[in-house]
C-alpha atoms as a PDB file:
ATOM      1  CA  MET A   1       0.247  19.389  12.431  1.00  0.00           C
ATOM      2  CA  TRP A   2      -1.053  20.798   9.177  1.00  0.00           C
ATOM      3  CA  ILE A   3       1.032  18.306   7.214  1.00  0.00           C
ATOM      4  CA  ALA A   4       0.091  15.445   9.524  1.00  0.00           C
ATOM      5  CA  ALA A   5      -3.594  16.222   9.132  1.00  0.00           C
ATOM      6  CA  MET A   6      -3.223  15.930   5.369  1.00  0.00           C
ATOM      7  CA  SER A   7      -1.451  12.561   5.575  1.00  0.00           C
ATOM      8  CA  PRO A   8      -2.929   9.851   3.391  1.00  0.00           C
ATOM      9  CA  ASP A   9      -2.929   7.215   6.154  1.00  0.00           C
ATOM     10  CA  LEU A  10      -2.590   6.716   9.908  1.00  0.00           C
ATOM     11  CA  GLU A  11       0.994   5.440   9.705  1.00  0.00           C
ATOM     12  CA  THR A  12       2.206   8.612   7.971  1.00  0.00           C
ATOM     13  CA  PHE A  13       0.140  10.725  10.353  1.00  0.00           C
ATOM     14  CA  LYS A  14       1.883   9.126  13.341  1.00  0.00           C
ATOM     15  CA  LYS A  15       5.335   9.770  11.861  1.00  0.00           C
ATOM     16  CA  PHE A  16       4.615  13.488  12.120  1.00  0.00           C
ATOM     17  CA  ILE A  17       2.690  13.401  15.396  1.00  0.00           C
ATOM     18  CA  ASP A  18       4.927  11.183  17.534  1.00  0.00           C
ATOM     19  CA  PRO A  19       7.836  13.680  17.837  1.00  0.00           C
ATOM     20  CA  LEU A  20       5.392  16.501  18.562  1.00  0.00           C
ATOM     21  CA  TYR A  21       3.640  14.419  21.205  1.00  0.00           C
ATOM     22  CA  LYS A  22       6.997  13.681  22.818  1.00  0.00           C
ATOM     23  CA  TYR A  23       7.930  17.390  22.807  1.00  0.00           C
ATOM     24  CA  ILE A  24       4.621  18.475  24.334  1.00  0.00           C
ATOM     25  CA  ASN A  25       4.842  15.886  27.107  1.00  0.00           C
ATOM     26  CA  GLU A  26       8.525  16.291  27.936  1.00  0.00           C
ATOM     27  CA  THR A  27       9.278  19.994  27.548  1.00  0.00           C
ATOM     28  CA  THR A  28      10.134  21.925  30.694  1.00  0.00           C
ATOM     29  CA  SER A  29       8.754  25.104  29.164  1.00  0.00           C
ATOM     30  CA  ARG A  30       5.700  26.616  30.813  1.00  0.00           C
ATOM     31  CA  VAL A  31       4.348  27.148  27.296  1.00  0.00           C
ATOM     32  CA  PRO A  32       4.380  23.567  26.007  1.00  0.00           C
ATOM     33  CA  ILE A  33       2.762  24.253  22.646  1.00  0.00           C
ATOM     34  CA  SER A  34       4.623  27.352  21.567  1.00  0.00           C
ATOM     35  CA  ASP A  35       4.890  27.802  17.815  1.00  0.00           C
ATOM     36  CA  TRP A  36       8.460  29.082  18.147  1.00  0.00           C
ATOM     37  CA  HIS A  37      10.867  26.953  20.133  1.00  0.00           C
ATOM     38  CA  ASP A  38      14.509  25.957  20.133  1.00  0.00           C
ATOM     39  CA  THR A  39      14.683  22.577  18.388  1.00  0.00           C
ATOM     40  CA  LYS A  40      17.643  21.421  20.479  1.00  0.00           C
ATOM     41  CA  THR A  41      16.475  22.452  23.954  1.00  0.00           C
ATOM     42  CA  GLY A  42      12.685  22.501  23.459  1.00  0.00           C
ATOM     43  CA  LYS A  43      12.446  25.836  25.235  1.00  0.00           C
ATOM     44  CA  MET A  44      10.039  28.515  24.058  1.00  0.00           C
ATOM     45  CA  THR A  45      11.891  31.235  22.158  1.00  0.00           C
ATOM     46  CA  GLY A  46       9.240  33.770  21.309  1.00  0.00           C
ATOM     47  CA  PHE A  47       5.593  33.557  20.399  1.00  0.00           C
ATOM     48  CA  LYS A  48       2.810  32.014  22.440  1.00  0.00           C
ATOM     49  CA  ALA A  49      -0.959  31.679  22.130  1.00  0.00           C
ATOM     50  CA  ARG A  50      -1.010  32.571  18.430  1.00  0.00           C
ATOM     51  CA  SER A  51      -3.677  31.419  16.030  1.00  0.00           C
ATOM     52  CA  VAL A  52      -1.170  29.434  13.960  1.00  0.00           C
ATOM     53  CA  ILE A  53      -1.353  26.649  16.511  1.00  0.00           C
ATOM     54  CA  GLY A  54      -4.887  26.066  15.275  1.00  0.00           C
ATOM     55  CA  GLY A  55      -3.298  23.311  13.207  1.00  0.00           C
ATOM     56  CA  TYR A  56      -3.077  21.266  16.401  1.00  0.00           C
ATOM     57  CA  TRP A  57      -6.847  20.848  16.164  1.00  0.00           C
ATOM     58  CA  ASN A  58      -6.854  19.850  12.495  1.00  0.00           C
ATOM     59  CA  PRO A  59      -6.706  16.093  13.261  1.00  0.00           C
ATOM     60  CA  VAL A  60      -9.924  16.373  15.255  1.00  0.00           C
ATOM     61  CA  SER A  61     -11.841  16.532  11.999  1.00  0.00           C
ATOM     62  CA  SER A  62      -9.730  14.007  10.098  1.00  0.00           C
ATOM     63  CA  ASN A  63     -10.819  10.509   9.130  1.00  0.00           C
ATOM     64  CA  TYR A  64      -8.445   8.775  11.548  1.00  0.00           C
END
């Protein structure tokens, strides 16, 4: 999300966001926006509700 928010244009932004959007909507985990998850299964591995996910809100203030 941090990288996506710094993208120079909407097309690049979407390249980063689309896989994340898919993960958030399709994961079976009860913690859908964990910052530590197995990249093959999508299941939460460890952390939850940490401040590092603040990057998810970065696009709110972008120019897109």
